[in-house]
PDB file of all heavy atoms in Angstrom:
ATOM      1  N   ALA A   1       7.499  -0.577   7.634  1.00  0.00           N
ATOM      2  CA  ALA A   1       6.330  -0.996   6.852  1.00  0.00           C
ATOM      3  C   ALA A   1       5.136  -1.246   7.762  1.00  0.00           C
ATOM      4  O   ALA A   1       4.402  -2.215   7.604  1.00  0.00           O
ATOM      5  CB  ALA A   1       6.660  -2.234   6.025  1.00  0.00           C
ATOM      6  N   GLY A   2       4.967  -0.370   8.734  1.00  0.00           N
ATOM      7  CA  GLY A   2       3.810  -0.487   9.617  1.00  0.00           C
ATOM      8  C   GLY A   2       2.671   0.348   9.077  1.00  0.00           C
ATOM      9  O   GLY A   2       2.633   0.720   7.914  1.00  0.00           O
ATOM     10  N   GLY A   3       1.758   0.657   9.928  1.00  0.00           N
ATOM     11  CA  GLY A   3       0.621   1.482   9.529  1.00  0.00           C
ATOM     12  C   GLY A   3      -0.674   0.714   9.617  1.00  0.00           C
ATOM     13  O   GLY A   3      -0.681  -0.522   9.672  1.00  0.00           O
ATOM     14  N   ILE A   4      -1.756   1.459   9.604  1.00  0.00           N
ATOM     15  CA  ILE A   4      -3.060   0.825   9.800  1.00  0.00           C
ATOM     16  C   ILE A   4      -3.952   0.895   8.566  1.00  0.00           C
ATOM     17  O   ILE A   4      -5.121   0.558   8.615  1.00  0.00           O
ATOM     18  CB  ILE A   4      -3.802   1.436  11.017  1.00  0.00           C
ATOM     19  CG1 ILE A   4      -3.930   2.949  10.853  1.00  0.00           C
ATOM     20  CG2 ILE A   4      -3.092   1.071  12.306  1.00  0.00           C
ATOM     21  CD1 ILE A   4      -4.769   3.608  11.927  1.00  0.00           C
ATOM     22  N   GLY A   5      -3.400   1.317   7.444  1.00  0.00           N
ATOM     23  CA  GLY A   5      -4.132   1.241   6.190  1.00  0.00           C
ATOM     24  C   GLY A   5      -5.204   2.282   5.975  1.00  0.00           C
ATOM     25  O   GLY A   5      -6.150   2.034   5.240  1.00  0.00           O
ATOM     26  N   THR A   6      -5.082   3.449   6.604  1.00  0.00           N
ATOM     27  CA  THR A   6      -6.128   4.459   6.458  1.00  0.00           C
ATOM     28  C   THR A   6      -5.766   5.601   5.521  1.00  0.00           C
ATOM     29  O   THR A   6      -6.652   6.287   5.020  1.00  0.00           O
ATOM     30  CB  THR A   6      -6.487   5.059   7.832  1.00  0.00           C
ATOM     31  OG1 THR A   6      -5.315   5.629   8.409  1.00  0.00           O
ATOM     32  CG2 THR A   6      -7.061   4.001   8.752  1.00  0.00           C
ATOM     33  N   ARG A   7      -4.500   5.799   5.246  1.00  0.00           N
ATOM     34  CA  ARG A   7      -4.087   6.981   4.486  1.00  0.00           C
ATOM     35  C   ARG A   7      -4.609   6.985   3.053  1.00  0.00           C
ATOM     36  O   ARG A   7      -4.941   8.029   2.521  1.00  0.00           O
ATOM     37  CB  ARG A   7      -2.564   7.107   4.486  1.00  0.00           C
ATOM     38  CG  ARG A   7      -2.123   8.450   3.905  1.00  0.00           C
ATOM     39  CD  ARG A   7      -0.685   8.773   4.206  1.00  0.00           C
ATOM     40  NE  ARG A   7      -0.495   8.867   5.640  1.00  0.00           N
ATOM     41  CZ  ARG A   7       0.660   8.666   6.246  1.00  0.00           C
ATOM     42  NH1 ARG A   7       1.715   8.343   5.562  1.00  0.00           N
ATOM     43  NH2 ARG A   7       0.762   8.767   7.548  1.00  0.00           N
ATOM     44  N   PHE A   8      -4.673   5.843   2.407  1.00  0.00           N
ATOM     45  CA  PHE A   8      -5.154   5.776   1.030  1.00  0.00           C
ATOM     46  C   PHE A   8      -6.491   5.042   0.924  1.00  0.00           C
ATOM     47  O   PHE A   8      -6.810   4.478  -0.109  1.00  0.00           O
ATOM     48  CB  PHE A   8      -4.102   5.097   0.137  1.00  0.00           C
ATOM     49  CG  PHE A   8      -2.983   6.002  -0.246  1.00  0.00           C
ATOM     50  CD1 PHE A   8      -1.889   6.161   0.572  1.00  0.00           C
ATOM     51  CD2 PHE A   8      -3.022   6.712  -1.426  1.00  0.00           C
ATOM     52  CE1 PHE A   8      -0.851   7.003   0.240  1.00  0.00           C
ATOM     53  CE2 PHE A   8      -1.986   7.559  -1.785  1.00  0.00           C
ATOM     54  CZ  PHE A   8      -0.903   7.702  -0.952  1.00  0.00           C
ATOM     55  N   TRP A   9      -7.274   5.062   1.998  1.00  0.00           N
ATOM     56  CA  TRP A   9      -8.574   4.426   1.961  1.00  0.00           C
ATOM     57  C   TRP A   9      -9.406   5.093   0.873  1.00  0.00           C
ATOM     58  O   TRP A   9      -9.333   6.314   0.708  1.00  0.00           O
ATOM     59  CB  TRP A   9      -9.253   4.558   3.335  1.00  0.00           C
ATOM     60  CG  TRP A   9     -10.557   3.837   3.382  1.00  0.00           C
ATOM     61  CD1 TRP A   9     -10.732   2.536   3.735  1.00  0.00           C
ATOM     62  CD2 TRP A   9     -11.839   4.350   3.065  1.00  0.00           C
ATOM     63  NE1 TRP A   9     -12.063   2.210   3.644  1.00  0.00           N
ATOM     64  CE2 TRP A   9     -12.761   3.316   3.229  1.00  0.00           C
ATOM     65  CE3 TRP A   9     -12.308   5.586   2.627  1.00  0.00           C
ATOM     66  CZ2 TRP A   9     -14.118   3.479   2.978  1.00  0.00           C
ATOM     67  CZ3 TRP A   9     -13.656   5.744   2.379  1.00  0.00           C
ATOM     68  CH2 TRP A   9     -14.548   4.703   2.562  1.00  0.00           C
ATOM     69  N   PRO A  10     -10.167   4.379   0.067  1.00  0.00           N
ATOM     70  CA  PRO A  10     -10.502   2.956   0.197  1.00  0.00           C
ATOM     71  C   PRO A  10      -9.540   2.012  -0.520  1.00  0.00           C
ATOM     72  O   PRO A  10      -9.734   0.806  -0.461  1.00  0.00           O
ATOM     73  CB  PRO A  10     -11.889   2.875  -0.427  1.00  0.00           C
ATOM     74  CG  PRO A  10     -11.861   3.886  -1.517  1.00  0.00           C
ATOM     75  CD  PRO A  10     -10.993   5.016  -0.980  1.00  0.00           C
ATOM     76  N   LEU A  11      -8.502   2.554  -1.205  1.00  0.00           N
ATOM     77  CA  LEU A  11      -7.543   1.658  -1.852  1.00  0.00           C
ATOM     78  C   LEU A  11      -6.796   0.813  -0.835  1.00  0.00           C
ATOM     79  O   LEU A  11      -6.592  -0.380  -1.032  1.00  0.00           O
ATOM     80  CB  LEU A  11      -6.533   2.456  -2.679  1.00  0.00           C
ATOM     81  CG  LEU A  11      -7.054   3.132  -3.935  1.00  0.00           C
ATOM     82  CD1 LEU A  11      -5.949   3.966  -4.568  1.00  0.00           C
ATOM     83  CD2 LEU A  11      -7.572   2.104  -4.921  1.00  0.00           C
ATOM     84  N   SER A  12      -6.355   1.428   0.246  1.00  0.00           N
ATOM     85  CA  SER A  12      -5.647   0.676   1.277  1.00  0.00           C
ATOM     86  C   SER A  12      -6.577   0.427   2.450  1.00  0.00           C
ATOM     87  O   SER A  12      -7.452   1.228   2.754  1.00  0.00           O
ATOM     88  CB  SER A  12      -4.394   1.420   1.731  1.00  0.00           C
ATOM     89  OG  SER A  12      -4.724   2.603   2.404  1.00  0.00           O
ATOM     90  N   THR A  13      -6.360  -0.721   3.071  1.00  0.00           N
ATOM     91  CA  THR A  13      -7.146  -1.107   4.245  1.00  0.00           C
ATOM     92  C   THR A  13      -6.198  -1.702   5.268  1.00  0.00           C
ATOM     93  O   THR A  13      -5.007  -1.855   5.005  1.00  0.00           O
ATOM     94  CB  THR A  13      -8.210  -2.169   3.873  1.00  0.00           C
ATOM     95  OG1 THR A  13      -7.528  -3.366   3.452  1.00  0.00           O
ATOM     96  CG2 THR A  13      -9.140  -1.683   2.769  1.00  0.00           C
ATOM     97  N   ALA A  14      -6.729  -2.084   6.402  1.00  0.00           N
ATOM     98  CA  ALA A  14      -5.891  -2.685   7.446  1.00  0.00           C
ATOM     99  C   ALA A  14      -5.209  -3.963   6.960  1.00  0.00           C
ATOM    100  O   ALA A  14      -4.108  -4.287   7.383  1.00  0.00           O
ATOM    101  CB  ALA A  14      -6.729  -2.967   8.684  1.00  0.00           C
ATOM    102  N   HIS A  15      -5.850  -4.696   6.046  1.00  0.00           N
ATOM    103  CA  HIS A  15      -5.267  -5.952   5.552  1.00  0.00           C
ATOM    104  C   HIS A  15      -4.602  -5.799   4.188  1.00  0.00           C
ATOM    105  O   HIS A  15      -3.989  -6.726   3.685  1.00  0.00           O
ATOM    106  CB  HIS A  15      -6.337  -7.042   5.501  1.00  0.00           C
ATOM    107  CG  HIS A  15      -6.858  -7.375   6.863  1.00  0.00           C
ATOM    108  ND1 HIS A  15      -6.116  -8.068   7.793  1.00  0.00           N
ATOM    109  CD2 HIS A  15      -8.018  -7.069   7.474  1.00  0.00           C
ATOM    110  CE1 HIS A  15      -6.803  -8.178   8.916  1.00  0.00           C
ATOM    111  NE2 HIS A  15      -7.964  -7.580   8.756  1.00  0.00           N
ATOM    112  N   ARG A  16      -4.734  -4.634   3.594  1.00  0.00           N
ATOM    113  CA  ARG A  16      -4.066  -4.331   2.316  1.00  0.00           C
ATOM    114  C   ARG A  16      -3.518  -2.913   2.402  1.00  0.00           C
ATOM    115  O   ARG A  16      -4.058  -1.978   1.827  1.00  0.00           O
ATOM    116  CB  ARG A  16      -5.071  -4.458   1.174  1.00  0.00           C
ATOM    117  CG  ARG A  16      -4.447  -4.343  -0.190  1.00  0.00           C
ATOM    118  CD  ARG A  16      -5.489  -4.664  -1.281  1.00  0.00           C
ATOM    119  NE  ARG A  16      -5.202  -4.011  -2.521  1.00  0.00           N
ATOM    120  CZ  ARG A  16      -4.258  -4.370  -3.379  1.00  0.00           C
ATOM    121  NH1 ARG A  16      -3.495  -5.385  -3.095  1.00  0.00           N
ATOM    122  NH2 ARG A  16      -4.079  -3.721  -4.498  1.00  0.00           N
ATOM    123  N   PRO A  17      -2.417  -2.749   3.160  1.00  0.00           N
ATOM    124  CA  PRO A  17      -1.857  -1.410   3.377  1.00  0.00           C
ATOM    125  C   PRO A  17      -1.228  -0.848   2.111  1.00  0.00           C
ATOM    126  O   PRO A  17      -0.955  -1.577   1.152  1.00  0.00           O
ATOM    127  CB  PRO A  17      -0.810  -1.656   4.458  1.00  0.00           C
ATOM    128  CG  PRO A  17      -0.378  -3.064   4.232  1.00  0.00           C
ATOM    129  CD  PRO A  17      -1.620  -3.789   3.795  1.00  0.00           C
ATOM    130  N   LYS A  18      -0.983   0.444   2.131  1.00  0.00           N
ATOM    131  CA  LYS A  18      -0.453   1.102   0.929  1.00  0.00           C
ATOM    132  C   LYS A  18       0.879   0.521   0.482  1.00  0.00           C
ATOM    133  O   LYS A  18       1.204   0.564  -0.698  1.00  0.00           O
ATOM    134  CB  LYS A  18      -0.343   2.606   1.141  1.00  0.00           C
ATOM    135  CG  LYS A  18       0.674   3.000   2.161  1.00  0.00           C
ATOM    136  CD  LYS A  18       0.714   4.496   2.340  1.00  0.00           C
ATOM    137  CE  LYS A  18       1.711   4.796   3.425  1.00  0.00           C
ATOM    138  NZ  LYS A  18       1.474   5.956   4.156  1.00  0.00           N
ATOM    139  N   GLN A  19       1.652  -0.073   1.380  1.00  0.00           N
ATOM    140  CA  GLN A  19       2.953  -0.632   1.013  1.00  0.00           C
ATOM    141  C   GLN A  19       2.835  -1.740  -0.028  1.00  0.00           C
ATOM    142  O   GLN A  19       3.775  -2.019  -0.749  1.00  0.00           O
ATOM    143  CB  GLN A  19       3.687  -1.192   2.238  1.00  0.00           C
ATOM    144  CG  GLN A  19       3.966  -0.174   3.298  1.00  0.00           C
ATOM    145  CD  GLN A  19       2.897  -0.155   4.371  1.00  0.00           C
ATOM    146  OE1 GLN A  19       1.721  -0.233   4.085  1.00  0.00           O
ATOM    147  NE2 GLN A  19       3.313  -0.040   5.615  1.00  0.00           N
ATOM    148  N   VAL A  20       1.684  -2.410  -0.090  1.00  0.00           N
ATOM    149  CA  VAL A  20       1.513  -3.492  -1.067  1.00  0.00           C
ATOM    150  C   VAL A  20       0.688  -3.052  -2.278  1.00  0.00           C
ATOM    151  O   VAL A  20       0.401  -3.860  -3.152  1.00  0.00           O
ATOM    152  CB  VAL A  20       0.914  -4.767  -0.433  1.00  0.00           C
ATOM    153  CG1 VAL A  20       1.838  -5.325   0.636  1.00  0.00           C
ATOM    154  CG2 VAL A  20      -0.466  -4.523   0.102  1.00  0.00           C
ATOM    155  N   LEU A  21       0.344  -1.781  -2.335  1.00  0.00           N
ATOM    156  CA  LEU A  21      -0.376  -1.268  -3.496  1.00  0.00           C
ATOM    157  C   LEU A  21       0.612  -0.910  -4.600  1.00  0.00           C
ATOM    158  O   LEU A  21       1.711  -0.453  -4.337  1.00  0.00           O
ATOM    159  CB  LEU A  21      -1.190  -0.027  -3.122  1.00  0.00           C
ATOM    160  CG  LEU A  21      -2.291  -0.215  -2.093  1.00  0.00           C
ATOM    161  CD1 LEU A  21      -2.964   1.121  -1.807  1.00  0.00           C
ATOM    162  CD2 LEU A  21      -3.316  -1.247  -2.540  1.00  0.00           C
ATOM    163  N   ALA A  22       0.197  -1.115  -5.835  1.00  0.00           N
ATOM    164  CA  ALA A  22       1.002  -0.745  -7.002  1.00  0.00           C
ATOM    165  C   ALA A  22       0.528   0.630  -7.465  1.00  0.00           C
ATOM    166  O   ALA A  22      -0.266   0.746  -8.386  1.00  0.00           O
ATOM    167  CB  ALA A  22       0.855  -1.788  -8.103  1.00  0.00           C
ATOM    168  N   LEU A  23       1.012   1.670  -6.804  1.00  0.00           N
ATOM    169  CA  LEU A  23       0.552   3.026  -7.094  1.00  0.00           C
ATOM    170  C   LEU A  23       1.374   3.726  -8.164  1.00  0.00           C
ATOM    171  O   LEU A  23       0.906   4.676  -8.794  1.00  0.00           O
ATOM    172  CB  LEU A  23       0.558   3.872  -5.818  1.00  0.00           C
ATOM    173  CG  LEU A  23      -0.366   3.404  -4.698  1.00  0.00           C
ATOM    174  CD1 LEU A  23      -0.185   4.279  -3.474  1.00  0.00           C
ATOM    175  CD2 LEU A  23      -1.817   3.413  -5.159  1.00  0.00           C
ATOM    176  N   VAL A  24       2.613   3.295  -8.377  1.00  0.00           N
ATOM    177  CA  VAL A  24       3.511   3.962  -9.314  1.00  0.00           C
ATOM    178  C   VAL A  24       3.670   3.156 -10.601  1.00  0.00           C
ATOM    179  O   VAL A  24       3.709   3.707 -11.688  1.00  0.00           O
ATOM    180  CB  VAL A  24       4.888   4.212  -8.669  1.00  0.00           C
ATOM    181  CG1 VAL A  24       5.853   4.864  -9.640  1.00  0.00           C
ATOM    182  CG2 VAL A  24       4.727   5.055  -7.410  1.00  0.00           C
ATOM    183  N   ASN A  25       3.766   1.852 -10.478  1.00  0.00           N
ATOM    184  CA  ASN A  25       3.914   0.951 -11.626  1.00  0.00           C
ATOM    185  C   ASN A  25       3.225  -0.361 -11.276  1.00  0.00           C
ATOM    186  O   ASN A  25       2.354  -0.375 -10.409  1.00  0.00           O
ATOM    187  CB  ASN A  25       5.399   0.779 -11.987  1.00  0.00           C
ATOM    188  CG  ASN A  25       6.225   0.363 -10.788  1.00  0.00           C
ATOM    189  OD1 ASN A  25       5.832  -0.520 -10.032  1.00  0.00           O
ATOM    190  ND2 ASN A  25       7.371   0.994 -10.592  1.00  0.00           N
ATOM    191  N   GLU A  26       3.637  -1.447 -11.887  1.00  0.00           N
ATOM    192  CA  GLU A  26       2.961  -2.737 -11.650  1.00  0.00           C
ATOM    193  C   GLU A  26       3.424  -3.437 -10.370  1.00  0.00           C
ATOM    194  O   GLU A  26       2.845  -4.438  -9.983  1.00  0.00           O
ATOM    195  CB  GLU A  26       3.150  -3.651 -12.862  1.00  0.00           C
ATOM    196  CG  GLU A  26       4.558  -4.201 -13.044  1.00  0.00           C
ATOM    197  CD  GLU A  26       5.580  -3.228 -13.644  1.00  0.00           C
ATOM    198  OE1 GLU A  26       5.183  -2.132 -14.101  1.00  0.00           O
ATOM    199  OE2 GLU A  26       6.778  -3.555 -13.641  1.00  0.00           O
ATOM    200  N   ARG A  27       4.445  -2.919  -9.711  1.00  0.00           N
ATOM    201  CA  ARG A  27       4.968  -3.550  -8.491  1.00  0.00           C
ATOM    202  C   ARG A  27       4.435  -2.849  -7.243  1.00  0.00           C
ATOM    203  O   ARG A  27       4.228  -1.633  -7.244  1.00  0.00           O
ATOM    204  CB  ARG A  27       6.499  -3.491  -8.470  1.00  0.00           C
ATOM    205  CG  ARG A  27       7.179  -4.399  -9.464  1.00  0.00           C
ATOM    206  CD  ARG A  27       8.695  -4.305  -9.350  1.00  0.00           C
ATOM    207  NE  ARG A  27       9.182  -2.938  -9.500  1.00  0.00           N
ATOM    208  CZ  ARG A  27       9.436  -2.354 -10.665  1.00  0.00           C
ATOM    209  NH1 ARG A  27       9.257  -3.012 -11.785  1.00  0.00           N
ATOM    210  NH2 ARG A  27       9.875  -1.117 -10.722  1.00  0.00           N
ATOM    211  N   PRO A  28       4.273  -3.602  -6.156  1.00  0.00           N
ATOM    212  CA  PRO A  28       3.899  -2.970  -4.886  1.00  0.00           C
ATOM    213  C   PRO A  28       4.982  -1.975  -4.461  1.00  0.00           C
ATOM    214  O   PRO A  28       6.164  -2.145  -4.789  1.00  0.00           O
ATOM    215  CB  PRO A  28       3.834  -4.137  -3.906  1.00  0.00           C
ATOM    216  CG  PRO A  28       3.658  -5.351  -4.743  1.00  0.00           C
ATOM    217  CD  PRO A  28       4.364  -5.059  -6.041  1.00  0.00           C
ATOM    218  N   LEU A  29       4.600  -0.961  -3.719  1.00  0.00           N
ATOM    219  CA  LEU A  29       5.546   0.057  -3.267  1.00  0.00           C
ATOM    220  C   LEU A  29       6.727  -0.556  -2.526  1.00  0.00           C
ATOM    221  O   LEU A  29       7.879  -0.154  -2.734  1.00  0.00           O
ATOM    222  CB  LEU A  29       4.836   1.089  -2.391  1.00  0.00           C
ATOM    223  CG  LEU A  29       3.798   1.967  -3.095  1.00  0.00           C
ATOM    224  CD1 LEU A  29       3.084   2.854  -2.064  1.00  0.00           C
ATOM    225  CD2 LEU A  29       4.431   2.815  -4.174  1.00  0.00           C
ATOM    226  N   ILE A  30       6.469  -1.533  -1.659  1.00  0.00           N
ATOM    227  CA  ILE A  30       7.577  -2.131  -0.898  1.00  0.00           C
ATOM    228  C   ILE A  30       8.535  -2.882  -1.825  1.00  0.00           C
ATOM    229  O   ILE A  30       9.745  -2.882  -1.602  1.00  0.00           O
ATOM    230  CB  ILE A  30       7.093  -3.019   0.262  1.00  0.00           C
ATOM    231  CG1 ILE A  30       8.288  -3.353   1.160  1.00  0.00           C
ATOM    232  CG2 ILE A  30       6.369  -4.253  -0.236  1.00  0.00           C
ATOM    233  CD1 ILE A  30       7.949  -3.875   2.517  1.00  0.00           C
ATOM    234  N   ALA A  31       8.019  -3.493  -2.880  1.00  0.00           N
ATOM    235  CA  ALA A  31       8.892  -4.186  -3.833  1.00  0.00           C
ATOM    236  C   ALA A  31       9.782  -3.176  -4.559  1.00  0.00           C
ATOM    237  O   ALA A  31      10.962  -3.442  -4.802  1.00  0.00           O
ATOM    238  CB  ALA A  31       8.058  -4.997  -4.822  1.00  0.00           C
ATOM    239  N   ASP A  32       9.222  -2.020  -4.895  1.00  0.00           N
ATOM    240  CA  ASP A  32      10.041  -0.963  -5.508  1.00  0.00           C
ATOM    241  C   ASP A  32      11.140  -0.507  -4.553  1.00  0.00           C
ATOM    242  O   ASP A  32      12.273  -0.270  -4.970  1.00  0.00           O
ATOM    243  CB  ASP A  32       9.170   0.244  -5.876  1.00  0.00           C
ATOM    244  CG  ASP A  32       8.493   0.096  -7.225  1.00  0.00           C
ATOM    245  OD1 ASP A  32       8.858  -0.816  -7.996  1.00  0.00           O
ATOM    246  OD2 ASP A  32       7.594   0.906  -7.507  1.00  0.00           O
ATOM    247  N   THR A  33      10.806  -0.371  -3.287  1.00  0.00           N
ATOM    248  CA  THR A  33      11.791   0.063  -2.291  1.00  0.00           C
ATOM    249  C   THR A  33      12.940  -0.926  -2.196  1.00  0.00           C
ATOM    250  O   THR A  33      14.109  -0.541  -2.231  1.00  0.00           O
ATOM    251  CB  THR A  33      11.117   0.255  -0.919  1.00  0.00           C
ATOM    252  OG1 THR A  33      10.105   1.249  -1.042  1.00  0.00           O
ATOM    253  CG2 THR A  33      12.114   0.662   0.142  1.00  0.00           C
TER     254      THR A  33
END
């Protein structure tokens, strides 16, 4: 769960990486994992 938050910019940032975004449903990606 590393990364620098640039792949889904502007949705993801260094302090809000894609792992905590709810891109598929209402849960963050890491919670789904």
